[in-house]
Amino acid sequence: MSIYKVNVVARNPKNEDLATEPLEALVDTGSELTWLPADVLRGAGITPRRKRIFATATQQRIEREVGYAILSAEGYATIDEVVFAESGDMTLLGVRTLEGFGVMVDNIGHRFVATTTIVA
């Protein structure tokens, strides 16, 4: 596995004119959800909808707010749940967002590769 980053933009699903500046996020296929700084999300009018509990890599349990955003990176876009990351949390692009993009991760070429969606 290799580590690389991409620029992610989060748009407000209620008003797509409200968006974050591009945020550098680590592509992390080990993270279910995408984590972006809470203050940046709120600045784009993206609001928390509920709280969820997460287990960290060290098995620590933490609680964070989550909401919905239209996420885009590398020419792909999807709507997804996004975690309102707090100070000290990493900025991550998670696997659910990647699946929403319809891509696989090419760790050698450090890029996304479009995939075919299986119907059923």
PDB file of N, CA and C in Angstrom:
ATOM      1  N   MET A   1       0.840  -1.180   0.000  1.00  0.00           N
ATOM      2  CA  MET A   1       0.000   0.000   0.000  1.00  0.00           C
ATOM      3  C   MET A   1       0.881   1.237   0.000  1.00  0.00           C
ATOM      4  N   SER A   2       0.465   2.241  -0.736  1.00  0.00           N
ATOM      5  CA  SER A   2       1.182   3.510  -0.731  1.00  0.00           C
ATOM      6  C   SER A   2       0.244   4.596  -0.212  1.00  0.00           C
ATOM      7  N   ILE A   3       0.821   5.712   0.145  1.00  0.00           N
ATOM      8  CA  ILE A   3       0.048   6.823   0.683  1.00  0.00           C
ATOM      9  C   ILE A   3       0.116   7.977  -0.305  1.00  0.00           C
ATOM     10  N   TYR A   4      -1.058   8.524  -0.607  1.00  0.00           N
ATOM     11  CA  TYR A   4      -1.066   9.740  -1.418  1.00  0.00           C
ATOM     12  C   TYR A   4      -2.288  10.581  -1.086  1.00  0.00           C
ATOM     13  N   LYS A   5      -2.244  11.831  -1.512  1.00  0.00           N
ATOM     14  CA  LYS A   5      -3.295  12.789  -1.188  1.00  0.00           C
ATOM     15  C   LYS A   5      -3.917  13.344  -2.457  1.00  0.00           C
ATOM     16  N   VAL A   6      -5.172  13.773  -2.327  1.00  0.00           N
ATOM     17  CA  VAL A   6      -5.878  14.447  -3.415  1.00  0.00           C
ATOM     18  C   VAL A   6      -6.568  15.676  -2.839  1.00  0.00           C
ATOM     19  N   ASN A   7      -6.939  16.603  -3.707  1.00  0.00           N
ATOM     20  CA  ASN A   7      -7.711  17.767  -3.287  1.00  0.00           C
ATOM     21  C   ASN A   7      -9.192  17.451  -3.386  1.00  0.00           C
ATOM     22  N   VAL A   8      -9.906  17.682  -2.294  1.00  0.00           N
ATOM     23  CA  VAL A   8     -11.337  17.391  -2.193  1.00  0.00           C
ATOM     24  C   VAL A   8     -12.087  18.697  -1.977  1.00  0.00           C
ATOM     25  N   VAL A   9     -13.225  18.828  -2.651  1.00  0.00           N
ATOM     26  CA  VAL A   9     -14.123  19.963  -2.434  1.00  0.00           C
ATOM     27  C   VAL A   9     -15.435  19.413  -1.907  1.00  0.00           C
ATOM     28  N   ALA A  10     -15.966  20.047  -0.859  1.00  0.00           N
ATOM     29  CA  ALA A  10     -17.272  19.673  -0.306  1.00  0.00           C
ATOM     30  C   ALA A  10     -18.257  20.794  -0.618  1.00  0.00           C
ATOM     31  N   ARG A  11     -19.384  20.414  -1.229  1.00  0.00           N
ATOM     32  CA  ARG A  11     -20.431  21.390  -1.553  1.00  0.00           C
ATOM     33  C   ARG A  11     -21.651  21.146  -0.669  1.00  0.00           C
ATOM     34  N   ASN A  12     -22.324  22.226  -0.361  1.00  0.00           N
ATOM     35  CA  ASN A  12     -23.547  22.159   0.419  1.00  0.00           C
ATOM     36  C   ASN A  12     -24.647  21.562  -0.464  1.00  0.00           C
ATOM     37  N   PRO A  13     -25.268  20.449  -0.051  1.00  0.00           N
ATOM     38  CA  PRO A  13     -26.292  19.833  -0.910  1.00  0.00           C
ATOM     39  C   PRO A  13     -27.561  20.671  -1.058  1.00  0.00           C
ATOM     40  N   LYS A  14     -27.771  21.630  -0.151  1.00  0.00           N
ATOM     41  CA  LYS A  14     -28.945  22.499  -0.237  1.00  0.00           C
ATOM     42  C   LYS A  14     -28.697  23.721  -1.107  1.00  0.00           C
ATOM     43  N   ASN A  15     -27.414  24.073  -1.275  1.00  0.00           N
ATOM     44  CA  ASN A  15     -27.031  25.225  -2.089  1.00  0.00           C
ATOM     45  C   ASN A  15     -25.628  24.973  -2.612  1.00  0.00           C
ATOM     46  N   GLU A  16     -25.535  24.423  -3.810  1.00  0.00           N
ATOM     47  CA  GLU A  16     -24.235  24.015  -4.354  1.00  0.00           C
ATOM     48  C   GLU A  16     -23.290  25.176  -4.630  1.00  0.00           C
ATOM     49  N   ASP A  17     -23.783  26.415  -4.547  1.00  0.00           N
ATOM     50  CA  ASP A  17     -22.898  27.563  -4.688  1.00  0.00           C
ATOM     51  C   ASP A  17     -22.001  27.717  -3.452  1.00  0.00           C
ATOM     52  N   LEU A  18     -22.418  27.110  -2.342  1.00  0.00           N
ATOM     53  CA  LEU A  18     -21.626  27.144  -1.113  1.00  0.00           C
ATOM     54  C   LEU A  18     -20.711  25.926  -1.094  1.00  0.00           C
ATOM     55  N   ALA A  19     -19.406  26.180  -1.105  1.00  0.00           N
ATOM     56  CA  ALA A  19     -18.440  25.085  -1.176  1.00  0.00           C
ATOM     57  C   ALA A  19     -17.178  25.451  -0.415  1.00  0.00           C
ATOM     58  N   THR A  20     -16.444  24.425  -0.039  1.00  0.00           N
ATOM     59  CA  THR A  20     -15.148  24.638   0.593  1.00  0.00           C
ATOM     60  C   THR A  20     -14.113  24.930  -0.479  1.00  0.00           C
ATOM     61  N   GLU A  21     -13.012  25.490  -0.063  1.00  0.00           N
ATOM     62  CA  GLU A  21     -11.833  25.546  -0.918  1.00  0.00           C
ATOM     63  C   GLU A  21     -11.324  24.114  -1.046  1.00  0.00           C
ATOM     64  N   PRO A  22     -10.530  23.791  -2.066  1.00  0.00           N
ATOM     65  CA  PRO A  22      -9.961  22.439  -2.133  1.00  0.00           C
ATOM     66  C   PRO A  22      -9.152  22.124  -0.870  1.00  0.00           C
ATOM     67  N   LEU A  23      -9.415  20.940  -0.311  1.00  0.00           N
ATOM     68  CA  LEU A  23      -8.747  20.493   0.908  1.00  0.00           C
ATOM     69  C   LEU A  23      -7.898  19.274   0.582  1.00  0.00           C
ATOM     70  N   GLU A  24      -6.647  19.291   0.991  1.00  0.00           N
ATOM     71  CA  GLU A  24      -5.782  18.145   0.756  1.00  0.00           C
ATOM     72  C   GLU A  24      -6.165  17.030   1.731  1.00  0.00           C
ATOM     73  N   ALA A  25      -6.554  15.876   1.192  1.00  0.00           N
ATOM     74  CA  ALA A  25      -6.997  14.742   2.012  1.00  0.00           C
ATOM     75  C   ALA A  25      -6.203  13.494   1.653  1.00  0.00           C
ATOM     76  N   LEU A  26      -5.882  12.729   2.659  1.00  0.00           N
ATOM     77  CA  LEU A  26      -5.210  11.454   2.470  1.00  0.00           C
ATOM     78  C   LEU A  26      -6.221  10.441   1.952  1.00  0.00           C
ATOM     79  N   VAL A  27      -5.915   9.764   0.850  1.00  0.00           N
ATOM     80  CA  VAL A  27      -6.779   8.699   0.323  1.00  0.00           C
ATOM     81  C   VAL A  27      -6.594   7.506   1.257  1.00  0.00           C
ATOM     82  N   ASP A  28      -7.670   7.123   1.971  1.00  0.00           N
ATOM     83  CA  ASP A  28      -7.564   6.106   3.008  1.00  0.00           C
ATOM     84  C   ASP A  28      -8.649   5.046   2.828  1.00  0.00           C
ATOM     85  N   THR A  29      -8.282   3.939   2.176  1.00  0.00           N
ATOM     86  CA  THR A  29      -9.250   2.855   1.959  1.00  0.00           C
ATOM     87  C   THR A  29      -9.532   2.091   3.247  1.00  0.00           C
ATOM     88  N   GLY A  30      -8.846   2.422   4.328  1.00  0.00           N
ATOM     89  CA  GLY A  30      -9.121   1.811   5.628  1.00  0.00           C
ATOM     90  C   GLY A  30     -10.138   2.602   6.434  1.00  0.00           C
ATOM     91  N   SER A  31     -10.505   3.784   5.957  1.00  0.00           N
ATOM     92  CA  SER A  31     -11.508   4.608   6.629  1.00  0.00           C
ATOM     93  C   SER A  31     -12.825   4.489   5.883  1.00  0.00           C
ATOM     94  N   GLU A  32     -13.894   4.182   6.605  1.00  0.00           N
ATOM     95  CA  GLU A  32     -15.201   4.060   5.951  1.00  0.00           C
ATOM     96  C   GLU A  32     -15.674   5.408   5.410  1.00  0.00           C
ATOM     97  N   LEU A  33     -15.585   6.446   6.233  1.00  0.00           N
ATOM     98  CA  LEU A  33     -16.117   7.750   5.853  1.00  0.00           C
ATOM     99  C   LEU A  33     -15.009   8.757   5.568  1.00  0.00           C
ATOM    100  N   THR A  34     -15.396   9.839   4.915  1.00  0.00           N
ATOM    101  CA  THR A  34     -14.509  10.963   4.642  1.00  0.00           C
ATOM    102  C   THR A  34     -14.543  11.907   5.836  1.00  0.00           C
ATOM    103  N   TRP A  35     -13.357  12.351   6.266  1.00  0.00           N
ATOM    104  CA  TRP A  35     -13.206  13.250   7.403  1.00  0.00           C
ATOM    105  C   TRP A  35     -12.666  14.584   6.912  1.00  0.00           C
ATOM    106  N   LEU A  36     -13.418  15.670   7.142  1.00  0.00           N
ATOM    107  CA  LEU A  36     -12.990  17.013   6.763  1.00  0.00           C
ATOM    108  C   LEU A  36     -13.141  17.938   7.964  1.00  0.00           C
ATOM    109  N   PRO A  37     -12.321  18.997   8.050  1.00  0.00           N
ATOM    110  CA  PRO A  37     -12.378  19.880   9.218  1.00  0.00           C
ATOM    111  C   PRO A  37     -13.770  20.477   9.440  1.00  0.00           C
ATOM    112  N   ALA A  38     -14.245  20.370  10.672  1.00  0.00           N
ATOM    113  CA  ALA A  38     -15.590  20.829  11.024  1.00  0.00           C
ATOM    114  C   ALA A  38     -15.803  22.306  10.711  1.00  0.00           C
ATOM    115  N   ASP A  39     -14.813  23.151  11.027  1.00  0.00           N
ATOM    116  CA  ASP A  39     -14.979  24.585  10.796  1.00  0.00           C
ATOM    117  C   ASP A  39     -15.092  24.910   9.316  1.00  0.00           C
ATOM    118  N   VAL A  40     -14.390  24.169   8.485  1.00  0.00           N
ATOM    119  CA  VAL A  40     -14.453  24.388   7.036  1.00  0.00           C
ATOM    120  C   VAL A  40     -15.823  23.945   6.497  1.00  0.00           C
ATOM    121  N   LEU A  41     -16.310  22.804   6.975  1.00  0.00           N
ATOM    122  CA  LEU A  41     -17.636  22.335   6.545  1.00  0.00           C
ATOM    123  C   LEU A  41     -18.719  23.333   6.954  1.00  0.00           C
ATOM    124  N   ARG A  42     -18.663  23.786   8.193  1.00  0.00           N
ATOM    125  CA  ARG A  42     -19.663  24.751   8.662  1.00  0.00           C
ATOM    126  C   ARG A  42     -19.574  26.059   7.868  1.00  0.00           C
ATOM    127  N   GLY A  43     -18.362  26.442   7.468  1.00  0.00           N
ATOM    128  CA  GLY A  43     -18.175  27.648   6.665  1.00  0.00           C
ATOM    129  C   GLY A  43     -18.869  27.575   5.320  1.00  0.00           C
ATOM    130  N   ALA A  44     -19.084  26.354   4.822  1.00  0.00           N
ATOM    131  CA  ALA A  44     -19.806  26.154   3.566  1.00  0.00           C
ATOM    132  C   ALA A  44     -21.296  25.888   3.820  1.00  0.00           C
ATOM    133  N   GLY A  45     -21.721  26.085   5.059  1.00  0.00           N
ATOM    134  CA  GLY A  45     -23.135  25.898   5.392  1.00  0.00           C
ATOM    135  C   GLY A  45     -23.547  24.438   5.519  1.00  0.00           C
ATOM    136  N   ILE A  46     -22.583  23.538   5.569  1.00  0.00           N
ATOM    137  CA  ILE A  46     -22.875  22.112   5.741  1.00  0.00           C
ATOM    138  C   ILE A  46     -23.074  21.885   7.235  1.00  0.00           C
ATOM    139  N   THR A  47     -24.201  21.292   7.599  1.00  0.00           N
ATOM    140  CA  THR A  47     -24.556  21.162   9.011  1.00  0.00           C
ATOM    141  C   THR A  47     -24.530  19.709   9.464  1.00  0.00           C
ATOM    142  N   PRO A  48     -24.165  19.513  10.734  1.00  0.00           N
ATOM    143  CA  PRO A  48     -24.216  18.152  11.278  1.00  0.00           C
ATOM    144  C   PRO A  48     -25.654  17.667  11.374  1.00  0.00           C
ATOM    145  N   ARG A  49     -25.848  16.381  11.168  1.00  0.00           N
ATOM    146  CA  ARG A  49     -27.187  15.783  11.244  1.00  0.00           C
ATOM    147  C   ARG A  49     -27.342  14.863  12.452  1.00  0.00           C
ATOM    148  N   ARG A  50     -26.227  14.254  12.887  1.00  0.00           N
ATOM    149  CA  ARG A  50     -26.270  13.339  14.030  1.00  0.00           C
ATOM    150  C   ARG A  50     -24.839  13.095  14.498  1.00  0.00           C
ATOM    151  N   LYS A  51     -24.698  12.300  15.544  1.00  0.00           N
ATOM    152  CA  LYS A  51     -23.381  11.913  16.042  1.00  0.00           C
ATOM    153  C   LYS A  51     -23.187  10.421  15.830  1.00  0.00           C
ATOM    154  N   ARG A  52     -21.930  10.035  15.596  1.00  0.00           N
ATOM    155  CA  ARG A  52     -21.575   8.622  15.453  1.00  0.00           C
ATOM    156  C   ARG A  52     -20.343   8.334  16.286  1.00  0.00           C
ATOM    157  N   ILE A  53     -20.216   7.088  16.687  1.00  0.00           N
ATOM    158  CA  ILE A  53     -19.043   6.654  17.425  1.00  0.00           C
ATOM    159  C   ILE A  53     -18.151   5.868  16.473  1.00  0.00           C
ATOM    160  N   PHE A  54     -16.845   6.167  16.531  1.00  0.00           N
ATOM    161  CA  PHE A  54     -15.855   5.533  15.657  1.00  0.00           C
ATOM    162  C   PHE A  54     -14.789   4.856  16.499  1.00  0.00           C
ATOM    163  N   ALA A  55     -14.216   3.789  15.965  1.00  0.00           N
ATOM    164  CA  ALA A  55     -13.057   3.140  16.583  1.00  0.00           C
ATOM    165  C   ALA A  55     -11.833   3.557  15.790  1.00  0.00           C
ATOM    166  N   THR A  56     -10.836   4.087  16.476  1.00  0.00           N
ATOM    167  CA  THR A  56      -9.606   4.516  15.820  1.00  0.00           C
ATOM    168  C   THR A  56      -8.718   3.301  15.565  1.00  0.00           C
ATOM    169  N   ALA A  57      -7.597   3.528  14.890  1.00  0.00           N
ATOM    170  CA  ALA A  57      -6.646   2.445  14.618  1.00  0.00           C
ATOM    171  C   ALA A  57      -6.122   1.826  15.911  1.00  0.00           C
ATOM    172  N   THR A  58      -6.114   2.611  16.983  1.00  0.00           N
ATOM    173  CA  THR A  58      -5.658   2.101  18.281  1.00  0.00           C
ATOM    174  C   THR A  58      -6.826   1.563  19.121  1.00  0.00           C
ATOM    175  N   GLN A  59      -7.997   1.434  18.480  1.00  0.00           N
ATOM    176  CA  GLN A  59      -9.224   0.925  19.105  1.00  0.00           C
ATOM    177  C   GLN A  59      -9.808   1.858  20.167  1.00  0.00           C
ATOM    178  N   GLN A  60      -9.390   3.114  20.151  1.00  0.00           N
ATOM    179  CA  GLN A  60     -10.006   4.117  21.019  1.00  0.00           C
ATOM    180  C   GLN A  60     -11.365   4.465  20.431  1.00  0.00           C
ATOM    181  N   ARG A  61     -12.356   4.667  21.258  1.00  0.00           N
ATOM    182  CA  ARG A  61     -13.681   5.067  20.786  1.00  0.00           C
ATOM    183  C   ARG A  61     -13.817   6.582  20.895  1.00  0.00           C
ATOM    184  N   ILE A  62     -14.217   7.212  19.768  1.00  0.00           N
ATOM    185  CA  ILE A  62     -14.414   8.658  19.748  1.00  0.00           C
ATOM    186  C   ILE A  62     -15.769   8.958  19.123  1.00  0.00           C
ATOM    187  N   GLU A  63     -16.350  10.079  19.512  1.00  0.00           N
ATOM    188  CA  GLU A  63     -17.641  10.489  18.971  1.00  0.00           C
ATOM    189  C   GLU A  63     -17.442  11.746  18.131  1.00  0.00           C
ATOM    190  N   ARG A  64     -18.035  11.749  16.935  1.00  0.00           N
ATOM    191  CA  ARG A  64     -17.952  12.908  16.048  1.00  0.00           C
ATOM    192  C   ARG A  64     -19.316  13.154  15.405  1.00  0.00           C
ATOM    193  N   GLU A  65     -19.535  14.414  15.010  1.00  0.00           N
ATOM    194  CA  GLU A  65     -20.737  14.768  14.265  1.00  0.00           C
ATOM    195  C   GLU A  65     -20.546  14.368  12.807  1.00  0.00           C
ATOM    196  N   VAL A  66     -21.649  14.019  12.137  1.00  0.00           N
ATOM    197  CA  VAL A  66     -21.624  13.719  10.709  1.00  0.00           C
ATOM    198  C   VAL A  66     -22.774  14.458  10.031  1.00  0.00           C
ATOM    199  N   GLY A  67     -22.571  14.752   8.759  1.00  0.00           N
ATOM    200  CA  GLY A  67     -23.591  15.411   7.950  1.00  0.00           C
ATOM    201  C   GLY A  67     -23.442  14.958   6.515  1.00  0.00           C
ATOM    202  N   TYR A  68     -24.133  15.642   5.612  1.00  0.00           N
ATOM    203  CA  TYR A  68     -24.114  15.266   4.204  1.00  0.00           C
ATOM    204  C   TYR A  68     -23.473  16.373   3.371  1.00  0.00           C
ATOM    205  N   ALA A  69     -22.686  15.945   2.387  1.00  0.00           N
ATOM    206  CA  ALA A  69     -22.037  16.905   1.487  1.00  0.00           C
ATOM    207  C   ALA A  69     -21.895  16.271   0.106  1.00  0.00           C
ATOM    208  N   ILE A  70     -21.836  17.112  -0.906  1.00  0.00           N
ATOM    209  CA  ILE A  70     -21.473  16.662  -2.252  1.00  0.00           C
ATOM    210  C   ILE A  70     -19.959  16.782  -2.313  1.00  0.00           C
ATOM    211  N   LEU A  71     -19.291  15.651  -2.487  1.00  0.00           N
ATOM    212  CA  LEU A  71     -17.833  15.613  -2.477  1.00  0.00           C
ATOM    213  C   LEU A  71     -17.309  15.411  -3.887  1.00  0.00           C
ATOM    214  N   SER A  72     -16.244  16.116  -4.239  1.00  0.00           N
ATOM    215  CA  SER A  72     -15.640  15.934  -5.556  1.00  0.00           C
ATOM    216  C   SER A  72     -14.123  15.955  -5.436  1.00  0.00           C
ATOM    217  N   ALA A  73     -13.508  15.125  -6.289  1.00  0.00           N
ATOM    218  CA  ALA A  73     -12.043  15.057  -6.361  1.00  0.00           C
ATOM    219  C   ALA A  73     -11.661  14.388  -7.666  1.00  0.00           C
ATOM    220  N   GLU A  74     -10.616  14.880  -8.284  1.00  0.00           N
ATOM    221  CA  GLU A  74     -10.058  14.254  -9.495  1.00  0.00           C
ATOM    222  C   GLU A  74     -11.102  14.068 -10.616  1.00  0.00           C
ATOM    223  N   GLY A  75     -12.080  14.957 -10.699  1.00  0.00           N
ATOM    224  CA  GLY A  75     -13.079  14.872 -11.756  1.00  0.00           C
ATOM    225  C   GLY A  75     -14.262  13.968 -11.435  1.00  0.00           C
ATOM    226  N   TYR A  76     -14.337  13.424 -10.236  1.00  0.00           N
ATOM    227  CA  TYR A  76     -15.439  12.560  -9.813  1.00  0.00           C
ATOM    228  C   TYR A  76     -16.229  13.263  -8.724  1.00  0.00           C
ATOM    229  N   ALA A  77     -17.517  12.907  -8.580  1.00  0.00           N
ATOM    230  CA  ALA A  77     -18.355  13.522  -7.547  1.00  0.00           C
ATOM    231  C   ALA A  77     -19.399  12.526  -7.052  1.00  0.00           C
ATOM    232  N   THR A  78     -19.803  12.721  -5.796  1.00  0.00           N
ATOM    233  CA  THR A  78     -20.865  11.916  -5.192  1.00  0.00           C
ATOM    234  C   THR A  78     -21.399  12.662  -3.981  1.00  0.00           C
ATOM    235  N   ILE A  79     -22.564  12.272  -3.513  1.00  0.00           N
ATOM    236  CA  ILE A  79     -23.063  12.791  -2.234  1.00  0.00           C
ATOM    237  C   ILE A  79     -22.800  11.713  -1.201  1.00  0.00           C
ATOM    238  N   ASP A  80     -22.366  12.127  -0.014  1.00  0.00           N
ATOM    239  CA  ASP A  80     -21.991  11.142   0.994  1.00  0.00           C
ATOM    240  C   ASP A  80     -22.076  11.760   2.383  1.00  0.00           C
ATOM    241  N   GLU A  81     -22.052  10.877   3.369  1.00  0.00           N
ATOM    242  CA  GLU A  81     -21.905  11.288   4.751  1.00  0.00           C
ATOM    243  C   GLU A  81     -20.464  11.745   4.949  1.00  0.00           C
ATOM    244  N   VAL A  82     -20.282  12.797   5.715  1.00  0.00           N
ATOM    245  CA  VAL A  82     -18.937  13.306   5.977  1.00  0.00           C
ATOM    246  C   VAL A  82     -18.804  13.562   7.477  1.00  0.00           C
ATOM    247  N   VAL A  83     -17.631  13.231   8.012  1.00  0.00           N
ATOM    248  CA  VAL A  83     -17.366  13.422   9.435  1.00  0.00           C
ATOM    249  C   VAL A  83     -16.825  14.824   9.654  1.00  0.00           C
ATOM    250  N   PHE A  84     -17.336  15.498  10.678  1.00  0.00           N
ATOM    251  CA  PHE A  84     -16.867  16.823  11.068  1.00  0.00           C
ATOM    252  C   PHE A  84     -15.636  16.622  11.959  1.00  0.00           C
ATOM    253  N   ALA A  85     -14.471  16.615  11.333  1.00  0.00           N
ATOM    254  CA  ALA A  85     -13.216  16.333  12.032  1.00  0.00           C
ATOM    255  C   ALA A  85     -12.870  17.464  12.997  1.00  0.00           C
ATOM    256  N   GLU A  86     -12.372  17.079  14.144  1.00  0.00           N
ATOM    257  CA  GLU A  86     -11.964  18.038  15.161  1.00  0.00           C
ATOM    258  C   GLU A  86     -10.451  18.232  15.121  1.00  0.00           C
ATOM    259  N   SER A  87      -9.974  19.193  15.877  1.00  0.00           N
ATOM    260  CA  SER A  87      -8.545  19.460  15.960  1.00  0.00           C
ATOM    261  C   SER A  87      -7.805  18.178  16.328  1.00  0.00           C
ATOM    262  N   GLY A  88      -6.755  17.884  15.587  1.00  0.00           N
ATOM    263  CA  GLY A  88      -5.985  16.670  15.827  1.00  0.00           C
ATOM    264  C   GLY A  88      -6.412  15.491  14.966  1.00  0.00           C
ATOM    265  N   ASP A  89      -7.613  15.550  14.358  1.00  0.00           N
ATOM    266  CA  ASP A  89      -8.066  14.495  13.450  1.00  0.00           C
ATOM    267  C   ASP A  89      -7.424  14.699  12.082  1.00  0.00           C
ATOM    268  N   MET A  90      -7.229  13.616  11.367  1.00  0.00           N
ATOM    269  CA  MET A  90      -6.679  13.707  10.016  1.00  0.00           C
ATOM    270  C   MET A  90      -7.785  14.077   9.026  1.00  0.00           C
ATOM    271  N   THR A  91      -7.398  14.641   7.899  1.00  0.00           N
ATOM    272  CA  THR A  91      -8.314  14.903   6.792  1.00  0.00           C
ATOM    273  C   THR A  91      -8.186  13.714   5.849  1.00  0.00           C
ATOM    274  N   LEU A  92      -9.289  12.951   5.710  1.00  0.00           N
ATOM    275  CA  LEU A  92      -9.258  11.675   4.993  1.00  0.00           C
ATOM    276  C   LEU A  92     -10.337  11.596   3.931  1.00  0.00           C
ATOM    277  N   LEU A  93     -10.036  10.925   2.832  1.00  0.00           N
ATOM    278  CA  LEU A  93     -11.027  10.574   1.816  1.00  0.00           C
ATOM    279  C   LEU A  93     -11.292   9.081   1.980  1.00  0.00           C
ATOM    280  N   GLY A  94     -12.480   8.736   2.467  1.00  0.00           N
ATOM    281  CA  GLY A  94     -12.803   7.360   2.824  1.00  0.00           C
ATOM    282  C   GLY A  94     -13.346   6.516   1.687  1.00  0.00           C
ATOM    283  N   VAL A  95     -13.456   5.229   1.985  1.00  0.00           N
ATOM    284  CA  VAL A  95     -13.829   4.239   0.974  1.00  0.00           C
ATOM    285  C   VAL A  95     -15.266   4.408   0.475  1.00  0.00           C
ATOM    286  N   ARG A  96     -16.199   4.859   1.316  1.00  0.00           N
ATOM    287  CA  ARG A  96     -17.564   5.045   0.823  1.00  0.00           C
ATOM    288  C   ARG A  96     -17.621   6.134  -0.235  1.00  0.00           C
ATOM    289  N   THR A  97     -16.831   7.185  -0.048  1.00  0.00           N
ATOM    290  CA  THR A  97     -16.780   8.238  -1.059  1.00  0.00           C
ATOM    291  C   THR A  97     -16.169   7.697  -2.344  1.00  0.00           C
ATOM    292  N   LEU A  98     -15.105   6.909  -2.218  1.00  0.00           N
ATOM    293  CA  LEU A  98     -14.481   6.307  -3.403  1.00  0.00           C
ATOM    294  C   LEU A  98     -15.471   5.412  -4.148  1.00  0.00           C
ATOM    295  N   GLU A  99     -16.248   4.635  -3.410  1.00  0.00           N
ATOM    296  CA  GLU A  99     -17.259   3.792  -4.056  1.00  0.00           C
ATOM    297  C   GLU A  99     -18.316   4.648  -4.736  1.00  0.00           C
ATOM    298  N   GLY A 100     -18.692   5.755  -4.094  1.00  0.00           N
ATOM    299  CA  GLY A 100     -19.648   6.677  -4.710  1.00  0.00           C
ATOM    300  C   GLY A 100     -19.098   7.290  -5.986  1.00  0.00           C
ATOM    301  N   PHE A 101     -17.791   7.557  -6.002  1.00  0.00           N
ATOM    302  CA  PHE A 101     -17.150   8.057  -7.216  1.00  0.00           C
ATOM    303  C   PHE A 101     -17.157   7.008  -8.319  1.00  0.00           C
ATOM    304  N   GLY A 102     -17.282   5.721  -7.937  1.00  0.00           N
ATOM    305  CA  GLY A 102     -17.200   4.641  -8.929  1.00  0.00           C
ATOM    306  C   GLY A 102     -15.774   4.395  -9.374  1.00  0.00           C
ATOM    307  N   VAL A 103     -14.840   4.457  -8.401  1.00  0.00           N
ATOM    308  CA  VAL A 103     -13.431   4.283  -8.733  1.00  0.00           C
ATOM    309  C   VAL A 103     -12.770   3.245  -7.833  1.00  0.00           C
ATOM    310  N   MET A 104     -11.654   2.739  -8.332  1.00  0.00           N
ATOM    311  CA  MET A 104     -10.722   1.962  -7.536  1.00  0.00           C
ATOM    312  C   MET A 104      -9.474   2.824  -7.384  1.00  0.00           C
ATOM    313  N   VAL A 105      -8.670   2.497  -6.392  1.00  0.00           N
ATOM    314  CA  VAL A 105      -7.449   3.255  -6.153  1.00  0.00           C
ATOM    315  C   VAL A 105      -6.265   2.520  -6.771  1.00  0.00           C
ATOM    316  N   ASP A 106      -5.529   3.217  -7.629  1.00  0.00           N
ATOM    317  CA  ASP A 106      -4.283   2.695  -8.180  1.00  0.00           C
ATOM    318  C   ASP A 106      -3.165   3.238  -7.293  1.00  0.00           C
ATOM    319  N   ASN A 107      -2.709   2.398  -6.337  1.00  0.00           N
ATOM    320  CA  ASN A 107      -1.687   2.848  -5.388  1.00  0.00           C
ATOM    321  C   ASN A 107      -0.324   3.035  -6.026  1.00  0.00           C
ATOM    322  N   ILE A 108      -0.068   2.379  -7.130  1.00  0.00           N
ATOM    323  CA  ILE A 108       1.216   2.533  -7.811  1.00  0.00           C
ATOM    324  C   ILE A 108       1.245   3.854  -8.577  1.00  0.00           C
ATOM    325  N   GLY A 109       0.194   4.106  -9.360  1.00  0.00           N
ATOM    326  CA  GLY A 109       0.123   5.329 -10.168  1.00  0.00           C
ATOM    327  C   GLY A 109      -0.412   6.533  -9.416  1.00  0.00           C
ATOM    328  N   HIS A 110      -0.843   6.330  -8.150  1.00  0.00           N
ATOM    329  CA  HIS A 110      -1.405   7.402  -7.329  1.00  0.00           C
ATOM    330  C   HIS A 110      -2.529   8.128  -8.069  1.00  0.00           C
ATOM    331  N   ARG A 111      -3.534   7.337  -8.452  1.00  0.00           N
ATOM    332  CA  ARG A 111      -4.659   7.915  -9.188  1.00  0.00           C
ATOM    333  C   ARG A 111      -5.894   7.059  -8.976  1.00  0.00           C
ATOM    334  N   PHE A 112      -7.028   7.585  -9.402  1.00  0.00           N
ATOM    335  CA  PHE A 112      -8.283   6.839  -9.380  1.00  0.00           C
ATOM    336  C   PHE A 112      -8.475   6.186 -10.744  1.00  0.00           C
ATOM    337  N   VAL A 113      -9.057   4.988 -10.746  1.00  0.00           N
ATOM    338  CA  VAL A 113      -9.367   4.276 -11.980  1.00  0.00           C
ATOM    339  C   VAL A 113     -10.869   3.969 -11.965  1.00  0.00           C
ATOM    340  N   ALA A 114     -11.569   4.453 -12.981  1.00  0.00           N
ATOM    341  CA  ALA A 114     -13.019   4.227 -13.058  1.00  0.00           C
ATOM    342  C   ALA A 114     -13.305   2.732 -13.160  1.00  0.00           C
ATOM    343  N   THR A 115     -14.375   2.312 -12.485  1.00  0.00           N
ATOM    344  CA  THR A 115     -14.796   0.913 -12.509  1.00  0.00           C
ATOM    345  C   THR A 115     -16.205   0.807 -13.053  1.00  0.00           C
ATOM    346  N   THR A 116     -16.572  -0.397 -13.441  1.00  0.00           N
ATOM    347  CA  THR A 116     -17.936  -0.661 -13.889  1.00  0.00           C
ATOM    348  C   THR A 116     -18.766  -1.054 -12.688  1.00  0.00           C
ATOM    349  N   THR A 117     -19.938  -0.460 -12.569  1.00  0.00           N
ATOM    350  CA  THR A 117     -20.828  -0.790 -11.465  1.00  0.00           C
ATOM    351  C   THR A 117     -21.612  -2.047 -11.799  1.00  0.00           C
ATOM    352  N   ILE A 118     -21.629  -2.985 -10.849  1.00  0.00           N
ATOM    353  CA  ILE A 118     -22.374  -4.226 -11.023  1.00  0.00           C
ATOM    354  C   ILE A 118     -23.819  -3.971 -10.616  1.00  0.00           C
ATOM    355  N   VAL A 119     -24.761  -4.367 -11.479  1.00  0.00           N
ATOM    356  CA  VAL A 119     -26.167  -4.070 -11.243  1.00  0.00           C
ATOM    357  C   VAL A 119     -26.737  -4.871 -10.081  1.00  0.00           C
ATOM    358  N   ALA A 120     -26.665  -6.159 -10.151  1.00  0.00           N
ATOM    359  CA  ALA A 120     -27.226  -6.976  -9.061  1.00  0.00           C
ATOM    360  C   ALA A 120     -26.660  -8.370  -9.105  1.00  0.00           C
TER     361      ALA A 120
END
